[in-house]
Amino acid sequence: MHIVVCIKQVPDTHDVKLDPVHNTLMREGVEAIVNPFDMYAIEEAIRLREQLGGTVTAITMGPPQAEAVLREAISMGVDKGILVSDVAFAGSDTWATSYTLAQTIRKLETPGIILFGKQAADGDTAQVGPGVAAQLDLPQITYVRKIEEISETRIVAERLLETGYEVIESSMPCILSVVKEINEPRLPSLKGKMAARKAEITKWSAEDIGAEHSSLGLHGSPTKVVKVFTPPPRAGGEILSGEPHEVAKELVEKLKDILIECAS
């Protein structure tokens, strides 16, 4: 089975900077990591290959330095990596990103299953996996915490809910977005690190994947960010002291004043 896992390079959550001109995250020169949820997708892809045979291809869309996340995936056991990189992709929202990844997958040997982490740490939208499923017209199961059964034609998976889980059956090929409950990502082996260092990363541009430029980047993104800003620090609150019944009475009076002010 050909297994595809889509991963993303994201800024380290401790080093996020905003571009006030283009209203996007600044990625150049910022320390970056593999999107944490994608680590679980990588691990599950490797486990499926160990169970079913075949190959695992990792895809990432991003600037040239995003090649690093593909090498990390290869060090864990992924067979090959594809970097989709072009200045035309700059500023893509989830719609344009989904289109670009779908065009990339169309160029590959037909995958049996396509894996995503449930969401990216920088955008937190959880839209790209479902977006690719819509673009490719494939069934999808989101928030997958366990694969119960899988074959070339059928998959049964547990989908995590706020109050429990549900069991969903789907035909194959299928797109899954996985949550951290699904597994524990392995550490790269020394052999894997050496293989990753020597691996040849395939690099495709917008032209290579046959993408329509009107569907790419800022121009192809229906989502428009009007303004981004860092919220000002919260002012210190007021501390009430005294006996409990006195504090409660004073608090009620202050709340009454606030409500009267809001209503006027």
Protein backbone atom coordinates (compact mmCIF):
# COMPACT_ATOMS: atom_id res chain seq x y z
CA MET A 1 0.00 0.00 0.00
CA HIS A 2 1.18 3.52 -0.75
CA ILE A 3 0.76 5.61 2.39
CA VAL A 4 1.01 9.41 2.22
CA VAL A 5 1.47 11.61 5.27
CA CYS A 6 1.17 15.39 4.95
CA ILE A 7 3.23 17.33 7.47
CA LYS A 8 4.00 20.97 8.18
CA GLN A 9 6.87 23.02 9.49
CA VAL A 10 5.60 25.48 12.09
CA PRO A 11 7.28 28.20 14.17
CA ASP A 12 8.36 27.15 17.62
CA THR A 13 5.47 28.24 19.85
CA HIS A 14 7.91 30.20 21.98
CA ASP A 15 9.14 32.23 19.00
CA VAL A 16 6.07 33.41 17.08
CA LYS A 17 6.32 36.74 15.25
CA LEU A 18 3.74 38.56 13.13
CA ASP A 19 4.23 40.47 9.89
CA PRO A 20 2.21 43.69 10.38
CA VAL A 21 2.30 44.49 6.64
CA HIS A 22 1.01 41.22 5.16
CA ASN A 23 -0.86 40.05 8.29
CA THR A 24 0.84 36.65 8.25
CA LEU A 25 3.21 34.71 10.49
CA MET A 26 6.87 35.54 9.94
CA ARG A 27 8.66 32.27 9.17
CA GLU A 28 11.99 33.42 7.74
CA GLY A 29 14.74 33.30 10.35
CA VAL A 30 12.39 31.88 13.00
CA GLU A 31 13.20 28.59 14.72
CA ALA A 32 10.86 25.95 13.33
CA ILE A 33 9.78 22.44 14.26
CA VAL A 34 7.61 19.64 12.91
CA ASN A 35 3.99 20.40 13.75
CA PRO A 36 3.51 18.37 16.98
CA PHE A 37 0.30 16.65 15.85
CA ASP A 38 2.00 15.58 12.61
CA MET A 39 4.45 13.48 14.61
CA TYR A 40 1.56 11.15 15.47
CA ALA A 41 0.55 11.00 11.79
CA ILE A 42 4.13 10.08 10.82
CA GLU A 43 4.25 7.34 13.45
CA GLU A 44 0.89 5.90 12.38
CA ALA A 45 1.96 5.90 8.72
CA ILE A 46 5.08 3.91 9.60
CA ARG A 47 3.05 1.46 11.72
CA LEU A 48 0.62 0.92 8.86
CA ARG A 49 3.50 0.16 6.49
CA GLU A 50 4.89 -2.33 9.02
CA GLN A 51 1.47 -3.97 9.15
CA LEU A 52 0.44 -3.82 5.48
CA GLY A 53 3.70 -3.41 3.57
CA GLY A 54 4.31 -0.77 0.91
CA THR A 55 5.93 2.65 1.14
CA VAL A 56 5.41 5.90 3.05
CA THR A 57 5.76 9.27 1.32
CA ALA A 58 5.87 12.47 3.36
CA ILE A 59 4.78 15.75 1.75
CA THR A 60 5.27 19.25 3.04
CA MET A 61 4.41 22.60 1.50
CA GLY A 62 6.58 25.52 2.52
CA PRO A 63 9.77 27.52 1.98
CA PRO A 64 13.08 25.78 1.16
CA GLN A 65 13.99 25.34 4.83
CA ALA A 66 10.88 23.16 5.30
CA GLU A 67 13.04 20.37 3.86
CA ALA A 68 14.20 19.86 7.45
CA VAL A 69 10.86 18.37 8.56
CA LEU A 70 10.99 15.85 5.72
CA ARG A 71 14.44 14.73 6.82
CA GLU A 72 13.15 14.34 10.36
CA ALA A 73 10.29 12.18 9.06
CA ILE A 74 12.77 10.06 7.09
CA SER A 75 14.92 9.66 10.22
CA MET A 76 11.85 8.14 11.92
CA GLY A 77 11.34 5.66 9.07
CA VAL A 78 9.49 7.38 6.22
CA ASP A 79 10.71 6.17 2.82
CA LYS A 80 10.82 9.43 0.85
CA GLY A 81 9.97 13.12 1.09
CA ILE A 82 8.50 15.67 -1.29
CA LEU A 83 8.90 19.42 -0.75
CA VAL A 84 6.36 21.56 -2.60
CA SER A 85 7.86 25.03 -2.62
CA ASP A 86 7.21 28.12 -4.72
CA VAL A 87 6.94 31.85 -4.07
CA ALA A 88 3.46 31.55 -5.57
CA PHE A 89 2.35 29.66 -2.42
CA ALA A 90 3.17 32.54 -0.06
CA GLY A 91 0.23 33.64 2.09
CA SER A 92 -1.94 30.60 1.31
CA ASP A 93 -4.94 30.06 3.58
CA THR A 94 -6.32 26.62 4.32
CA TRP A 95 -8.29 26.56 1.04
CA ALA A 96 -5.25 27.33 -1.13
CA THR A 97 -3.09 24.97 0.94
CA SER A 98 -5.60 22.13 0.51
CA TYR A 99 -5.68 22.73 -3.24
CA THR A 100 -1.87 22.70 -3.47
CA LEU A 101 -1.52 19.48 -1.46
CA ALA A 102 -4.30 17.82 -3.45
CA GLN A 103 -2.55 18.70 -6.72
CA THR A 104 0.65 17.20 -5.32
CA ILE A 105 -1.06 13.97 -4.31
CA ARG A 106 -2.62 13.69 -7.79
CA LYS A 107 0.90 13.39 -9.23
CA LEU A 108 1.73 10.39 -7.06
CA GLU A 109 0.97 6.72 -7.39
CA THR A 110 -2.58 6.44 -6.07
CA PRO A 111 -2.30 6.30 -2.26
CA GLY A 112 -4.27 3.79 -0.22
CA ILE A 113 -4.48 6.15 2.75
CA ILE A 114 -3.53 9.77 3.44
CA LEU A 115 -2.73 10.91 6.98
CA PHE A 116 -2.71 14.33 8.65
CA GLY A 117 -2.24 15.54 12.19
CA LYS A 118 -5.56 16.85 13.48
CA GLN A 119 -4.45 20.49 13.20
CA ALA A 120 -1.43 22.77 12.89
CA ALA A 121 0.01 24.53 15.93
CA ASP A 122 0.23 27.86 14.13
CA GLY A 123 -3.27 28.08 12.64
CA ASP A 124 -5.28 25.63 14.81
CA THR A 125 -8.00 25.41 12.13
CA ALA A 126 -8.10 21.60 11.57
CA GLN A 127 -9.30 22.39 8.04
CA VAL A 128 -6.53 21.20 5.72
CA GLY A 129 -7.13 17.45 6.04
CA PRO A 130 -10.87 17.80 5.33
CA GLY A 131 -10.03 20.34 2.61
CA VAL A 132 -7.79 17.86 0.79
CA ALA A 133 -10.50 15.21 1.13
CA ALA A 134 -12.97 17.58 -0.56
CA GLN A 135 -10.50 18.45 -3.32
CA LEU A 136 -9.79 14.76 -4.05
CA ASP A 137 -13.41 13.68 -3.47
CA LEU A 138 -12.32 11.03 -0.96
CA PRO A 139 -14.00 9.85 2.26
CA GLN A 140 -12.51 11.17 5.48
CA ILE A 141 -12.44 10.36 9.18
CA THR A 142 -11.30 13.13 11.51
CA TYR A 143 -9.94 13.02 15.08
CA VAL A 144 -8.96 9.37 14.74
CA ARG A 145 -7.71 7.85 18.01
CA LYS A 146 -7.45 4.22 16.87
CA ILE A 147 -7.56 2.17 13.68
CA GLU A 148 -9.45 -1.01 14.51
CA GLU A 149 -9.35 -2.70 11.10
CA ILE A 150 -7.76 -1.84 7.78
CA SER A 151 -7.38 -3.53 4.40
CA GLU A 152 -6.94 -2.45 0.78
CA THR A 153 -10.69 -1.82 0.50
CA ARG A 154 -11.99 -1.03 3.99
CA ILE A 155 -11.10 0.78 7.21
CA VAL A 156 -12.77 0.89 10.63
CA ALA A 157 -11.59 3.62 13.01
CA GLU A 158 -12.51 5.17 16.34
CA ARG A 159 -13.21 8.90 16.13
CA LEU A 160 -12.68 10.92 19.30
CA LEU A 161 -15.59 12.99 20.60
CA GLU A 162 -15.87 15.34 23.58
CA THR A 163 -17.98 12.78 25.44
CA GLY A 164 -16.45 9.53 24.18
CA TYR A 165 -15.87 8.11 20.73
CA GLU A 166 -17.71 6.72 17.71
CA VAL A 167 -16.74 3.86 15.40
CA ILE A 168 -16.77 4.73 11.69
CA GLU A 169 -16.37 2.41 8.72
CA SER A 170 -15.18 3.76 5.38
CA SER A 171 -14.13 2.53 1.99
CA MET A 172 -10.52 2.95 0.87
CA PRO A 173 -8.67 5.05 -0.14
CA CYS A 174 -9.48 7.32 2.77
CA ILE A 175 -8.11 10.45 4.46
CA LEU A 176 -7.53 10.44 8.23
CA SER A 177 -6.61 13.21 10.64
CA VAL A 178 -5.24 11.75 13.86
CA VAL A 179 -5.08 12.86 17.49
CA LYS A 180 -2.29 12.25 19.99
CA GLU A 181 -4.14 9.37 21.66
CA ILE A 182 -3.46 7.18 18.62
CA ASN A 183 0.17 6.29 19.41
CA GLU A 184 3.50 7.36 20.88
CA PRO A 185 5.92 8.65 18.21
CA ARG A 186 9.23 6.80 18.06
CA LEU A 187 12.63 8.43 18.39
CA PRO A 188 14.84 8.44 15.29
CA SER A 189 17.48 5.70 15.23
CA LEU A 190 21.12 6.32 14.35
CA LYS A 191 20.57 4.44 11.09
CA GLY A 192 17.53 6.60 10.40
CA LYS A 193 19.45 9.82 11.04
CA MET A 194 22.17 8.72 8.64
CA ALA A 195 19.59 7.83 5.99
CA ALA A 196 17.87 11.18 6.45
CA ARG A 197 21.12 13.05 6.00
CA LYS A 198 21.82 11.30 2.68
CA ALA A 199 18.22 11.22 1.41
CA GLU A 200 17.39 13.00 -1.83
CA ILE A 201 14.34 15.20 -1.32
CA THR A 202 12.05 15.62 -4.33
CA LYS A 203 11.25 19.30 -4.93
CA TRP A 204 8.23 20.40 -6.91
CA SER A 205 7.08 23.87 -7.91
CA ALA A 206 3.61 25.14 -8.77
CA GLU A 207 4.30 24.31 -12.41
CA ASP A 208 5.46 20.79 -11.55
CA ILE A 209 2.14 19.95 -9.87
CA GLY A 210 0.05 21.59 -12.62
CA ALA A 211 -1.50 24.13 -10.27
CA GLU A 212 -3.58 27.06 -11.48
CA HIS A 213 -1.91 30.25 -10.22
CA SER A 214 -5.29 31.86 -9.59
CA SER A 215 -5.83 29.24 -6.85
CA LEU A 216 -2.53 29.80 -5.07
CA GLY A 217 -1.14 32.08 -2.39
CA LEU A 218 -2.83 35.25 -1.21
CA HIS A 219 -4.65 35.75 -4.50
CA GLY A 220 -6.15 32.26 -4.35
CA SER A 221 -7.14 32.51 -0.69
CA PRO A 222 -10.76 33.46 0.00
CA THR A 223 -9.88 34.05 3.66
CA LYS A 224 -8.55 37.57 4.14
CA VAL A 225 -6.85 38.61 7.38
CA VAL A 226 -7.65 42.28 7.84
CA LYS A 227 -5.46 42.88 10.88
CA VAL A 228 -3.21 41.00 13.26
CA PHE A 229 -1.89 42.32 16.54
CA THR A 230 -0.55 41.26 19.90
CA PRO A 231 -3.18 41.97 22.56
CA PRO A 232 -2.07 44.40 25.26
CA PRO A 233 -1.21 42.90 28.65
CA ARG A 234 -4.15 42.65 31.02
CA ALA A 235 -4.28 45.27 33.74
CA GLY A 236 -3.99 44.08 37.32
CA GLY A 237 -7.25 43.23 39.08
CA GLU A 238 -8.53 44.57 42.34
CA ILE A 239 -8.06 42.46 45.44
CA LEU A 240 -10.75 42.63 48.12
CA SER A 241 -9.73 41.85 51.66
CA GLY A 242 -11.53 41.48 54.96
CA GLU A 243 -13.99 39.10 56.54
CA PRO A 244 -15.81 36.82 54.04
CA HIS A 245 -19.23 38.39 54.59
CA GLU A 246 -17.75 41.89 54.18
CA VAL A 247 -15.91 40.92 51.01
CA ALA A 248 -19.06 39.31 49.56
CA LYS A 249 -21.11 42.44 50.28
CA GLU A 250 -18.49 44.71 48.74
CA LEU A 251 -18.24 42.47 45.66
CA VAL A 252 -22.02 42.54 45.13
CA GLU A 253 -22.01 46.34 45.31
CA LYS A 254 -19.19 46.59 42.78
CA LEU A 255 -20.96 44.20 40.41
CA LYS A 256 -24.15 46.26 40.73
CA ASP A 257 -22.22 49.40 39.76
CA ILE A 258 -20.71 47.67 36.73
CA LEU A 259 -24.12 46.39 35.56
CA ILE A 260 -25.71 49.82 35.99
CA GLU A 261 -22.85 51.39 34.02
CA CYS A 262 -23.17 48.83 31.21
CA ALA A 263 -26.94 49.31 31.01
CA SER A 264 -26.77 53.11 30.82
